[in-house]
PDB file of N, CA and C in Angstrom:
ATOM      1  N   MET A   1       0.721  -1.076   0.179  1.00  0.00           N
ATOM      2  CA  MET A   1      -0.072   0.145   0.132  1.00  0.00           C
ATOM      3  C   MET A   1       0.771   1.345  -0.067  1.00  0.00           C
ATOM      4  N   ARG A   2       1.785   1.234   0.885  1.00  0.00           N
ATOM      5  CA  ARG A   2       2.927   2.252   0.956  1.00  0.00           C
ATOM      6  C   ARG A   2       3.447   2.851  -0.390  1.00  0.00           C
ATOM      7  N   GLU A   3       4.008   1.760  -1.297  1.00  0.00           N
ATOM      8  CA  GLU A   3       4.602   2.025  -2.723  1.00  0.00           C
ATOM      9  C   GLU A   3       3.196   2.797  -3.675  1.00  0.00           C
ATOM     10  N   ARG A   4       2.180   2.138  -3.716  1.00  0.00           N
ATOM     11  CA  ARG A   4       1.209   2.972  -3.919  1.00  0.00           C
ATOM     12  C   ARG A   4       0.220   4.848  -3.736  1.00  0.00           C
ATOM     13  N   ILE A   5       0.969   4.303  -2.689  1.00  0.00           N
ATOM     14  CA  ILE A   5       0.642   6.051  -1.965  1.00  0.00           C
ATOM     15  C   ILE A   5       1.766   6.994  -2.334  1.00  0.00           C
ATOM     16  N   ASN A   6       3.085   6.348  -2.105  1.00  0.00           N
ATOM     17  CA  ASN A   6       3.946   7.156  -2.917  1.00  0.00           C
ATOM     18  C   ASN A   6       4.053   7.655  -4.131  1.00  0.00           C
ATOM     19  N   ILE A   7       3.417   6.644  -5.074  1.00  0.00           N
ATOM     20  CA  ILE A   7       3.341   7.289  -6.140  1.00  0.00           C
ATOM     21  C   ILE A   7       2.318   8.347  -6.495  1.00  0.00           C
ATOM     22  N   ALA A   8       1.132   8.001  -5.622  1.00  0.00           N
ATOM     23  CA  ALA A   8       0.002   8.900  -5.941  1.00  0.00           C
ATOM     24  C   ALA A   8       0.480  10.649  -5.119  1.00  0.00           C
ATOM     25  N   LEU A   9       1.510  10.319  -4.035  1.00  0.00           N
ATOM     26  CA  LEU A   9       2.108  11.524  -3.839  1.00  0.00           C
ATOM     27  C   LEU A   9       2.773  12.406  -4.733  1.00  0.00           C
ATOM     28  N   GLU A  10       3.626  11.405  -5.352  1.00  0.00           N
ATOM     29  CA  GLU A  10       4.176  12.285  -6.944  1.00  0.00           C
ATOM     30  C   GLU A  10       3.342  12.721  -7.933  1.00  0.00           C
ATOM     31  N   PHE A  11       2.710  12.489  -7.881  1.00  0.00           N
ATOM     32  CA  PHE A  11       1.514  12.850  -9.059  1.00  0.00           C
ATOM     33  C   PHE A  11       0.779  14.015  -7.999  1.00  0.00           C
ATOM     34  N   LEU A  12       0.176  14.514  -6.997  1.00  0.00           N
ATOM     35  CA  LEU A  12      -0.254  15.631  -6.313  1.00  0.00           C
ATOM     36  C   LEU A  12       1.177  16.580  -6.165  1.00  0.00           C
ATOM     37  N   LYS A  13       1.776  15.972  -5.899  1.00  0.00           N
ATOM     38  CA  LYS A  13       3.077  17.244  -5.769  1.00  0.00           C
ATOM     39  C   LYS A  13       3.157  18.354  -7.042  1.00  0.00           C
ATOM     40  N   LEU A  14       2.922  17.605  -8.127  1.00  0.00           N
ATOM     41  CA  LEU A  14       3.053  17.919  -9.541  1.00  0.00           C
ATOM     42  C   LEU A  14       1.611  18.591 -10.008  1.00  0.00           C
ATOM     43  N   GLY A  15       0.604  18.530  -8.550  1.00  0.00           N
ATOM     44  CA  GLY A  15      -0.709  18.759  -8.931  1.00  0.00           C
ATOM     45  C   GLY A  15      -1.853  18.425 -10.043  1.00  0.00           C
ATOM     46  N   GLN A  16      -1.309  16.946  -9.807  1.00  0.00           N
ATOM     47  CA  GLN A  16      -2.178  16.270 -10.705  1.00  0.00           C
ATOM     48  C   GLN A  16      -2.592  15.396  -9.981  1.00  0.00           C
ATOM     49  N   SER A  17      -4.131  14.587 -10.286  1.00  0.00           N
ATOM     50  CA  SER A  17      -4.881  13.623  -9.321  1.00  0.00           C
ATOM     51  C   SER A  17      -4.336  12.341  -9.694  1.00  0.00           C
ATOM     52  N   TYR A  18      -4.713  11.718  -9.059  1.00  0.00           N
ATOM     53  CA  TYR A  18      -4.487  10.197  -9.267  1.00  0.00           C
ATOM     54  C   TYR A  18      -5.488   9.238  -8.250  1.00  0.00           C
ATOM     55  N   THR A  19      -6.094   8.550  -9.373  1.00  0.00           N
ATOM     56  CA  THR A  19      -6.558   7.241  -8.376  1.00  0.00           C
ATOM     57  C   THR A  19      -5.990   5.961  -7.289  1.00  0.00           C
ATOM     58  N   ILE A  20      -6.614   5.897  -6.337  1.00  0.00           N
ATOM     59  CA  ILE A  20      -5.762   4.662  -5.685  1.00  0.00           C
ATOM     60  C   ILE A  20      -6.686   4.183  -4.962  1.00  0.00           C
ATOM     61  N   TYR A  21      -6.823   2.868  -4.979  1.00  0.00           N
ATOM     62  CA  TYR A  21      -7.996   1.726  -4.832  1.00  0.00           C
ATOM     63  C   TYR A  21      -9.047   2.465  -5.435  1.00  0.00           C
ATOM     64  N   SER A  22     -10.319   2.747  -4.465  1.00  0.00           N
ATOM     65  CA  SER A  22     -11.298   3.212  -5.177  1.00  0.00           C
ATOM     66  C   SER A  22     -11.548   4.782  -4.294  1.00  0.00           C
ATOM     67  N   LEU A  23     -10.536   5.536  -4.335  1.00  0.00           N
ATOM     68  CA  LEU A  23     -10.495   6.902  -3.978  1.00  0.00           C
ATOM     69  C   LEU A  23      -9.001   7.682  -5.319  1.00  0.00           C
ATOM     70  N   ARG A  24     -10.124   8.954  -5.117  1.00  0.00           N
ATOM     71  CA  ARG A  24      -9.585   9.881  -6.489  1.00  0.00           C
ATOM     72  C   ARG A  24      -9.134  11.075  -5.395  1.00  0.00           C
ATOM     73  N   LEU A  25      -7.901  11.265  -5.550  1.00  0.00           N
ATOM     74  CA  LEU A  25      -7.046  11.830  -4.773  1.00  0.00           C
ATOM     75  C   LEU A  25      -6.638  13.326  -5.602  1.00  0.00           C
ATOM     76  N   GLY A  26      -6.783  14.453  -5.076  1.00  0.00           N
ATOM     77  CA  GLY A  26      -6.228  15.472  -5.726  1.00  0.00           C
ATOM     78  C   GLY A  26      -5.694  16.793  -4.358  1.00  0.00           C
ATOM     79  N   VAL A  27      -5.437  17.908  -5.110  1.00  0.00           N
ATOM     80  CA  VAL A  27      -4.999  19.114  -4.591  1.00  0.00           C
ATOM     81  C   VAL A  27      -5.503  20.163  -5.130  1.00  0.00           C
ATOM     82  N   ARG A  28      -6.482  21.526  -4.602  1.00  0.00           N
ATOM     83  CA  ARG A  28      -6.502  22.768  -5.145  1.00  0.00           C
ATOM     84  C   ARG A  28      -6.086  23.576  -4.055  1.00  0.00           C
ATOM     85  N   ASN A  29      -5.295  24.564  -4.658  1.00  0.00           N
ATOM     86  CA  ASN A  29      -4.746  25.596  -3.650  1.00  0.00           C
ATOM     87  C   ASN A  29      -4.356  24.998  -2.232  1.00  0.00           C
ATOM     88  N   HIS A  30      -5.143  25.326  -1.136  1.00  0.00           N
ATOM     89  CA  HIS A  30      -4.330  24.894   0.154  1.00  0.00           C
ATOM     90  C   HIS A  30      -5.027  23.469   0.678  1.00  0.00           C
ATOM     91  N   TYR A  31      -6.078  22.707  -0.021  1.00  0.00           N
ATOM     92  CA  TYR A  31      -6.804  22.066   0.264  1.00  0.00           C
ATOM     93  C   TYR A  31      -6.419  20.556  -0.696  1.00  0.00           C
ATOM     94  N   MET A  32      -6.782  19.430   0.092  1.00  0.00           N
ATOM     95  CA  MET A  32      -6.673  18.273  -0.644  1.00  0.00           C
ATOM     96  C   MET A  32      -8.294  18.079  -0.348  1.00  0.00           C
ATOM     97  N   TYR A  33      -8.514  17.305  -1.898  1.00  0.00           N
ATOM     98  CA  TYR A  33      -9.403  16.892  -2.082  1.00  0.00           C
ATOM     99  C   TYR A  33      -9.646  14.918  -2.412  1.00  0.00           C
ATOM    100  N   VAL A  34     -10.778  14.596  -1.711  1.00  0.00           N
ATOM    101  CA  VAL A  34     -10.111  12.493  -1.688  1.00  0.00           C
ATOM    102  C   VAL A  34     -12.027  12.358  -2.114  1.00  0.00           C
ATOM    103  N   THR A  35     -12.587  12.031  -3.723  1.00  0.00           N
ATOM    104  CA  THR A  35     -13.680  11.215  -4.181  1.00  0.00           C
ATOM    105  C   THR A  35     -13.935  10.234  -4.265  1.00  0.00           C
ATOM    106  N   GLY A  36     -14.909   9.944  -3.831  1.00  0.00           N
ATOM    107  CA  GLY A  36     -15.023   7.929  -3.793  1.00  0.00           C
ATOM    108  C   GLY A  36     -16.137   8.077  -4.479  1.00  0.00           C
ATOM    109  N   TRP A  37     -17.030   7.054  -5.092  1.00  0.00           N
ATOM    110  CA  TRP A  37     -18.170   6.770  -6.327  1.00  0.00           C
ATOM    111  C   TRP A  37     -19.135   5.687  -5.393  1.00  0.00           C
ATOM    112  N   SER A  38     -20.092   6.404  -5.455  1.00  0.00           N
ATOM    113  CA  SER A  38     -21.434   5.656  -5.117  1.00  0.00           C
ATOM    114  C   SER A  38     -21.690   3.997  -5.723  1.00  0.00           C
ATOM    115  N   ARG A  39     -22.132   2.850  -4.710  1.00  0.00           N
ATOM    116  CA  ARG A  39     -22.152   2.229  -5.232  1.00  0.00           C
ATOM    117  C   ARG A  39     -23.605   1.755  -5.878  1.00  0.00           C
ATOM    118  N   CYS A  40     -24.404   2.974  -6.056  1.00  0.00           N
ATOM    119  CA  CYS A  40     -25.322   2.877  -6.356  1.00  0.00           C
ATOM    120  C   CYS A  40     -25.641   3.294  -7.912  1.00  0.00           C
ATOM    121  N   ALA A  41     -26.441   2.593  -8.696  1.00  0.00           N
ATOM    122  CA  ALA A  41     -26.064   2.959 -10.166  1.00  0.00           C
ATOM    123  C   ALA A  41     -27.078   3.969 -11.012  1.00  0.00           C
ATOM    124  N   ASN A  42     -27.687   4.261  -9.909  1.00  0.00           N
ATOM    125  CA  ASN A  42     -28.803   5.560 -10.513  1.00  0.00           C
ATOM    126  C   ASN A  42     -28.928   6.876  -9.102  1.00  0.00           C
ATOM    127  N   ILE A  43     -29.282   7.473  -9.629  1.00  0.00           N
ATOM    128  CA  ILE A  43     -29.403   8.603  -8.398  1.00  0.00           C
ATOM    129  C   ILE A  43     -30.631   8.558  -7.774  1.00  0.00           C
ATOM    130  N   GLU A  44     -31.895   7.928  -8.327  1.00  0.00           N
ATOM    131  CA  GLU A  44     -32.910   7.687  -8.054  1.00  0.00           C
ATOM    132  C   GLU A  44     -33.189   6.587  -6.964  1.00  0.00           C
ATOM    133  N   SER A  45     -31.999   5.936  -6.759  1.00  0.00           N
ATOM    134  CA  SER A  45     -32.105   4.735  -5.699  1.00  0.00           C
ATOM    135  C   SER A  45     -31.187   4.904  -4.285  1.00  0.00           C
ATOM    136  N   LEU A  46     -30.283   5.926  -4.778  1.00  0.00           N
ATOM    137  CA  LEU A  46     -29.516   6.367  -3.503  1.00  0.00           C
ATOM    138  C   LEU A  46     -30.401   7.343  -2.420  1.00  0.00           C
ATOM    139  N   THR A  47     -30.206   7.124  -1.482  1.00  0.00           N
ATOM    140  CA  THR A  47     -30.814   8.066  -0.121  1.00  0.00           C
ATOM    141  C   THR A  47     -30.139   8.857   0.710  1.00  0.00           C
ATOM    142  N   LYS A  48     -30.622   9.825   0.886  1.00  0.00           N
ATOM    143  CA  LYS A  48     -29.325  10.651   2.070  1.00  0.00           C
ATOM    144  C   LYS A  48     -28.423   9.824   3.171  1.00  0.00           C
ATOM    145  N   GLN A  49     -29.158   8.694   3.553  1.00  0.00           N
ATOM    146  CA  GLN A  49     -28.483   8.099   4.489  1.00  0.00           C
ATOM    147  C   GLN A  49     -27.632   7.196   4.139  1.00  0.00           C
ATOM    148  N   MET A  50     -28.528   6.644   2.672  1.00  0.00           N
ATOM    149  CA  MET A  50     -26.753   5.654   2.128  1.00  0.00           C
ATOM    150  C   MET A  50     -25.651   6.650   1.740  1.00  0.00           C
ATOM    151  N   ALA A  51     -26.008   7.847   1.041  1.00  0.00           N
ATOM    152  CA  ALA A  51     -25.063   8.456   0.763  1.00  0.00           C
ATOM    153  C   ALA A  51     -23.817   8.775   1.240  1.00  0.00           C
ATOM    154  N   LEU A  52     -24.475   8.989   2.812  1.00  0.00           N
ATOM    155  CA  LEU A  52     -23.184   9.700   4.151  1.00  0.00           C
ATOM    156  C   LEU A  52     -23.021   8.549   4.371  1.00  0.00           C
ATOM    157  N   ASP A  53     -23.466   6.824   4.409  1.00  0.00           N
ATOM    158  CA  ASP A  53     -22.825   6.295   5.072  1.00  0.00           C
ATOM    159  C   ASP A  53     -21.676   5.495   3.764  1.00  0.00           C
ATOM    160  N   GLU A  54     -21.915   6.231   2.753  1.00  0.00           N
ATOM    161  CA  GLU A  54     -20.803   5.560   1.906  1.00  0.00           C
ATOM    162  C   GLU A  54     -19.943   7.236   2.095  1.00  0.00           C
ATOM    163  N   LEU A  55     -20.109   8.140   2.250  1.00  0.00           N
ATOM    164  CA  LEU A  55     -19.242   8.986   2.351  1.00  0.00           C
ATOM    165  C   LEU A  55     -18.418   9.058   3.262  1.00  0.00           C
ATOM    166  N   ASP A  56     -18.729   8.134   4.543  1.00  0.00           N
ATOM    167  CA  ASP A  56     -18.059   7.569   5.921  1.00  0.00           C
ATOM    168  C   ASP A  56     -17.096   6.963   5.410  1.00  0.00           C
ATOM    169  N   GLU A  57     -17.837   5.808   4.592  1.00  0.00           N
ATOM    170  CA  GLU A  57     -16.468   4.921   3.901  1.00  0.00           C
ATOM    171  C   GLU A  57     -15.620   5.692   3.557  1.00  0.00           C
ATOM    172  N   VAL A  58     -15.706   6.710   2.563  1.00  0.00           N
ATOM    173  CA  VAL A  58     -14.706   7.436   1.740  1.00  0.00           C
ATOM    174  C   VAL A  58     -13.303   8.370   2.802  1.00  0.00           C
ATOM    175  N   LYS A  59     -13.947   8.655   3.866  1.00  0.00           N
ATOM    176  CA  LYS A  59     -13.236   8.967   4.879  1.00  0.00           C
ATOM    177  C   LYS A  59     -12.641   7.691   5.533  1.00  0.00           C
ATOM    178  N   GLU A  60     -12.909   6.575   5.488  1.00  0.00           N
ATOM    179  CA  GLU A  60     -12.225   5.697   6.285  1.00  0.00           C
ATOM    180  C   GLU A  60     -11.480   5.032   5.971  1.00  0.00           C
ATOM    181  N   LEU A  61     -11.499   4.823   4.454  1.00  0.00           N
ATOM    182  CA  LEU A  61     -10.412   4.649   3.644  1.00  0.00           C
ATOM    183  C   LEU A  61      -8.901   5.565   3.769  1.00  0.00           C
ATOM    184  N   PHE A  62      -9.931   6.455   3.494  1.00  0.00           N
ATOM    185  CA  PHE A  62      -8.335   7.487   3.395  1.00  0.00           C
ATOM    186  C   PHE A  62      -7.606   7.485   4.530  1.00  0.00           C
ATOM    187  N   GLU A  63      -8.430   7.895   5.899  1.00  0.00           N
ATOM    188  CA  GLU A  63      -7.680   7.516   7.161  1.00  0.00           C
ATOM    189  C   GLU A  63      -6.992   6.748   7.443  1.00  0.00           C
ATOM    190  N   TYR A  64      -7.272   5.424   6.895  1.00  0.00           N
ATOM    191  CA  TYR A  64      -6.650   4.152   7.073  1.00  0.00           C
ATOM    192  C   TYR A  64      -5.143   4.628   6.112  1.00  0.00           C
ATOM    193  N   MET A  65      -5.736   5.045   4.991  1.00  0.00           N
ATOM    194  CA  MET A  65      -4.115   5.266   3.875  1.00  0.00           C
ATOM    195  C   MET A  65      -3.112   6.064   4.863  1.00  0.00           C
ATOM    196  N   VAL A  66      -3.427   7.423   5.472  1.00  0.00           N
ATOM    197  CA  VAL A  66      -3.085   8.338   6.714  1.00  0.00           C
ATOM    198  C   VAL A  66      -2.239   7.342   7.282  1.00  0.00           C
ATOM    199  N   LYS A  67      -2.992   6.762   8.036  1.00  0.00           N
ATOM    200  CA  LYS A  67      -2.146   5.920   9.192  1.00  0.00           C
ATOM    201  C   LYS A  67      -1.178   5.153   8.471  1.00  0.00           C
ATOM    202  N   GLU A  68      -1.099   4.307   7.368  1.00  0.00           N
ATOM    203  CA  GLU A  68      -0.239   3.647   7.143  1.00  0.00           C
ATOM    204  C   GLU A  68       0.970   4.433   5.763  1.00  0.00           C
ATOM    205  N   SER A  69       1.292   5.422   6.078  1.00  0.00           N
ATOM    206  CA  SER A  69       1.821   6.523   5.039  1.00  0.00           C
ATOM    207  C   SER A  69       2.364   7.329   5.600  1.00  0.00           C
ATOM    208  N   PRO A  70       3.430   7.534   6.602  1.00  0.00           N
ATOM    209  CA  PRO A  70       3.864   8.517   7.316  1.00  0.00           C
ATOM    210  C   PRO A  70       3.976   9.990   6.174  1.00  0.00           C
ATOM    211  N   ALA A  71       4.504   9.579   4.875  1.00  0.00           N
ATOM    212  CA  ALA A  71       4.154  10.534   3.848  1.00  0.00           C
ATOM    213  C   ALA A  71       3.298  10.947   3.642  1.00  0.00           C
ATOM    214  N   LEU A  72       2.345  10.750   3.708  1.00  0.00           N
ATOM    215  CA  LEU A  72       1.092  11.143   3.000  1.00  0.00           C
ATOM    216  C   LEU A  72       0.289  12.044   4.298  1.00  0.00           C
ATOM    217  N   ALA A  73       0.799  11.466   5.583  1.00  0.00           N
ATOM    218  CA  ALA A  73       0.305  11.935   7.046  1.00  0.00           C
ATOM    219  C   ALA A  73       0.769  13.383   6.925  1.00  0.00           C
ATOM    220  N   ALA A  74       2.392  13.206   6.609  1.00  0.00           N
ATOM    221  CA  ALA A  74       3.126  14.857   6.301  1.00  0.00           C
ATOM    222  C   ALA A  74       2.231  15.672   4.952  1.00  0.00           C
ATOM    223  N   PHE A  75       2.382  15.017   4.139  1.00  0.00           N
ATOM    224  CA  PHE A  75       1.475  15.978   3.028  1.00  0.00           C
ATOM    225  C   PHE A  75       0.699  16.678   3.308  1.00  0.00           C
ATOM    226  N   ILE A  76      -0.621  15.801   4.050  1.00  0.00           N
ATOM    227  CA  ILE A  76      -1.910  16.761   4.199  1.00  0.00           C
ATOM    228  C   ILE A  76      -1.712  17.439   5.425  1.00  0.00           C
ATOM    229  N   LYS A  77      -0.354  17.443   6.073  1.00  0.00           N
ATOM    230  CA  LYS A  77      -0.403  18.426   7.634  1.00  0.00           C
ATOM    231  C   LYS A  77      -1.011  19.722   7.669  1.00  0.00           C
ATOM    232  N   ASP A  78      -0.797  20.196   6.997  1.00  0.00           N
ATOM    233  CA  ASP A  78      -1.180  21.789   6.780  1.00  0.00           C
ATOM    234  C   ASP A  78      -2.114  21.986   5.832  1.00  0.00           C
ATOM    235  N   LYS A  79      -3.154  20.900   5.593  1.00  0.00           N
ATOM    236  CA  LYS A  79      -4.079  21.208   4.407  1.00  0.00           C
ATOM    237  C   LYS A  79      -5.727  20.320   5.231  1.00  0.00           C
ATOM    238  N   ASN A  80      -6.377  21.137   4.965  1.00  0.00           N
ATOM    239  CA  ASN A  80      -7.946  20.771   4.729  1.00  0.00           C
ATOM    240  C   ASN A  80      -7.821  19.798   3.827  1.00  0.00           C
ATOM    241  N   VAL A  81      -8.999  18.874   4.403  1.00  0.00           N
ATOM    242  CA  VAL A  81      -9.554  17.326   3.258  1.00  0.00           C
ATOM    243  C   VAL A  81     -11.040  18.147   2.985  1.00  0.00           C
ATOM    244  N   LYS A  82     -11.082  17.811   2.057  1.00  0.00           N
ATOM    245  CA  LYS A  82     -12.710  17.853   1.128  1.00  0.00           C
ATOM    246  C   LYS A  82     -12.849  16.442   0.560  1.00  0.00           C
ATOM    247  N   PHE A  83     -14.023  15.931   1.732  1.00  0.00           N
ATOM    248  CA  PHE A  83     -14.129  14.610   0.846  1.00  0.00           C
ATOM    249  C   PHE A  83     -15.779  14.539  -0.082  1.00  0.00           C
ATOM    250  N   ASN A  84     -15.946  13.962  -1.150  1.00  0.00           N
ATOM    251  CA  ASN A  84     -16.715  14.025  -1.610  1.00  0.00           C
ATOM    252  C   ASN A  84     -17.095  12.286  -1.835  1.00  0.00           C
ATOM    253  N   LEU A  85     -18.203  12.034  -2.318  1.00  0.00           N
ATOM    254  CA  LEU A  85     -19.332  11.296  -3.159  1.00  0.00           C
ATOM    255  C   LEU A  85     -19.591  11.426  -4.084  1.00  0.00           C
ATOM    256  N   CYS A  86     -19.154  10.731  -5.535  1.00  0.00           N
ATOM    257  CA  CYS A  86     -20.041  11.020  -6.393  1.00  0.00           C
ATOM    258  C   CYS A  86     -20.965   9.493  -7.024  1.00  0.00           C
ATOM    259  N   ILE A  87     -21.688   9.817  -7.985  1.00  0.00           N
ATOM    260  CA  ILE A  87     -22.239   8.575  -8.634  1.00  0.00           C
ATOM    261  C   ILE A  87     -21.998   8.756 -10.127  1.00  0.00           C
ATOM    262  N   ASN A  88     -21.460   7.521 -10.603  1.00  0.00           N
ATOM    263  CA  ASN A  88     -20.965   7.305 -11.777  1.00  0.00           C
ATOM    264  C   ASN A  88     -22.079   6.455 -13.233  1.00  0.00           C
ATOM    265  N   PRO A  89     -23.432   7.412 -13.447  1.00  0.00           N
ATOM    266  CA  PRO A  89     -24.353   6.617 -14.410  1.00  0.00           C
ATOM    267  C   PRO A  89     -23.514   6.445 -15.308  1.00  0.00           C
ATOM    268  N   THR A  90     -23.002   7.375 -16.641  1.00  0.00           N
ATOM    269  CA  THR A  90     -22.457   6.907 -17.699  1.00  0.00           C
ATOM    270  C   THR A  90     -20.975   7.734 -17.998  1.00  0.00           C
ATOM    271  N   LYS A  91     -20.342   7.227 -17.148  1.00  0.00           N
ATOM    272  CA  LYS A  91     -18.905   7.501 -16.899  1.00  0.00           C
ATOM    273  C   LYS A  91     -18.706   8.607 -16.322  1.00  0.00           C
ATOM    274  N   GLU A  92     -19.157   9.490 -16.750  1.00  0.00           N
ATOM    275  CA  GLU A  92     -19.013  10.920 -16.094  1.00  0.00           C
ATOM    276  C   GLU A  92     -19.362  11.164 -14.682  1.00  0.00           C
ATOM    277  N   PHE A  93     -18.536  11.968 -13.649  1.00  0.00           N
ATOM    278  CA  PHE A  93     -18.820  11.675 -12.458  1.00  0.00           C
ATOM    279  C   PHE A  93     -20.086  13.192 -12.074  1.00  0.00           C
ATOM    280  N   MET A  94     -20.990  12.754 -10.830  1.00  0.00           N
ATOM    281  CA  MET A  94     -21.846  13.625 -10.960  1.00  0.00           C
ATOM    282  C   MET A  94     -22.091  13.669  -9.258  1.00  0.00           C
ATOM    283  N   PRO A  95     -21.197  14.557  -8.478  1.00  0.00           N
ATOM    284  CA  PRO A  95     -21.163  14.894  -7.391  1.00  0.00           C
ATOM    285  C   PRO A  95     -22.408  14.572  -6.677  1.00  0.00           C
ATOM    286  N   VAL A  96     -22.368  14.066  -5.997  1.00  0.00           N
ATOM    287  CA  VAL A  96     -23.779  14.082  -4.439  1.00  0.00           C
ATOM    288  C   VAL A  96     -23.468  14.954  -3.211  1.00  0.00           C
ATOM    289  N   VAL A  97     -22.907  14.248  -2.810  1.00  0.00           N
ATOM    290  CA  VAL A  97     -22.245  15.105  -1.333  1.00  0.00           C
ATOM    291  C   VAL A  97     -20.989  15.378  -1.167  1.00  0.00           C
ATOM    292  N   SER A  98     -20.323  16.893  -0.411  1.00  0.00           N
ATOM    293  CA  SER A  98     -19.476  16.354   0.195  1.00  0.00           C
ATOM    294  C   SER A  98     -19.055  17.137   1.713  1.00  0.00           C
ATOM    295  N   GLU A  99     -18.124  17.035   2.310  1.00  0.00           N
ATOM    296  CA  GLU A  99     -17.957  17.068   3.479  1.00  0.00           C
ATOM    297  C   GLU A  99     -16.267  17.832   3.555  1.00  0.00           C
ATOM    298  N   TYR A 100     -16.976  19.338   3.961  1.00  0.00           N
ATOM    299  CA  TYR A 100     -15.347  20.471   3.920  1.00  0.00           C
ATOM    300  C   TYR A 100     -15.437  20.959   5.346  1.00  0.00           C
ATOM    301  N   VAL A 101     -14.189  20.790   6.187  1.00  0.00           N
ATOM    302  CA  VAL A 101     -14.302  21.061   7.756  1.00  0.00           C
ATOM    303  C   VAL A 101     -15.170  21.106   8.279  1.00  0.00           C
ATOM    304  N   GLY A 102     -15.958  19.731   8.171  1.00  0.00           N
ATOM    305  CA  GLY A 102     -16.878  18.980   8.798  1.00  0.00           C
ATOM    306  C   GLY A 102     -18.530  19.926   8.532  1.00  0.00           C
ATOM    307  N   ALA A 103     -18.528  20.224   7.464  1.00  0.00           N
ATOM    308  CA  ALA A 103     -19.765  20.900   6.780  1.00  0.00           C
ATOM    309  C   ALA A 103     -19.901  20.187   5.702  1.00  0.00           C
ATOM    310  N   ILE A 104     -21.344  19.638   5.741  1.00  0.00           N
ATOM    311  CA  ILE A 104     -22.299  18.699   4.577  1.00  0.00           C
ATOM    312  C   ILE A 104     -23.033  19.716   3.638  1.00  0.00           C
ATOM    313  N   THR A 105     -22.347  19.354   2.021  1.00  0.00           N
ATOM    314  CA  THR A 105     -22.612  19.607   1.309  1.00  0.00           C
ATOM    315  C   THR A 105     -23.883  18.922   0.228  1.00  0.00           C
ATOM    316  N   TRP A 106     -25.171  19.183   0.001  1.00  0.00           N
ATOM    317  CA  TRP A 106     -25.773  18.038  -0.918  1.00  0.00           C
ATOM    318  C   TRP A 106     -25.920  19.308  -1.890  1.00  0.00           C
ATOM    319  N   GLU A 107     -24.696  18.517  -3.169  1.00  0.00           N
ATOM    320  CA  GLU A 107     -24.893  18.634  -4.471  1.00  0.00           C
ATOM    321  C   GLU A 107     -26.484  18.105  -5.638  1.00  0.00           C
ATOM    322  N   ARG A 108     -27.145  17.079  -4.826  1.00  0.00           N
ATOM    323  CA  ARG A 108     -27.940  16.363  -5.791  1.00  0.00           C
ATOM    324  C   ARG A 108     -29.417  16.424  -4.608  1.00  0.00           C
ATOM    325  N   LYS A 109     -30.562  16.863  -4.816  1.00  0.00           N
ATOM    326  CA  LYS A 109     -31.620  16.433  -4.470  1.00  0.00           C
ATOM    327  C   LYS A 109     -32.203  14.732  -3.555  1.00  0.00           C
ATOM    328  N   LEU A 110     -31.889  14.684  -2.257  1.00  0.00           N
ATOM    329  CA  LEU A 110     -32.179  13.206  -2.104  1.00  0.00           C
ATOM    330  C   LEU A 110     -32.944  12.930  -1.358  1.00  0.00           C
ATOM    331  N   VAL A 111     -33.700  11.800  -0.943  1.00  0.00           N
ATOM    332  CA  VAL A 111     -34.898  11.824  -0.138  1.00  0.00           C
ATOM    333  C   VAL A 111     -34.314  10.616   1.340  1.00  0.00           C
TER     334      VAL A 111
END
């Protein structure tokens, strides 16, 4: 895992995004973004609770990666992290919900 994270860090340092496992990592200005994709195939099947649960899974996987990689922990030390959950119905990502500095933002209306 550390080797893949180190490769991702090289891309991030160059300002490029990188997909590692099921997460897309990238850097914008002074924050890092971590994007994961919903298991739901269509937006009509996704509920708010499902989206929040999946967003938590994105956060948990990233936190595990940070624990496993001191280099990643050092890289994000002075950055806020924005977590995103997207749905990918037609090979284009569609933002659903994000969390940045503890605030949840809904990009799509769900029930």
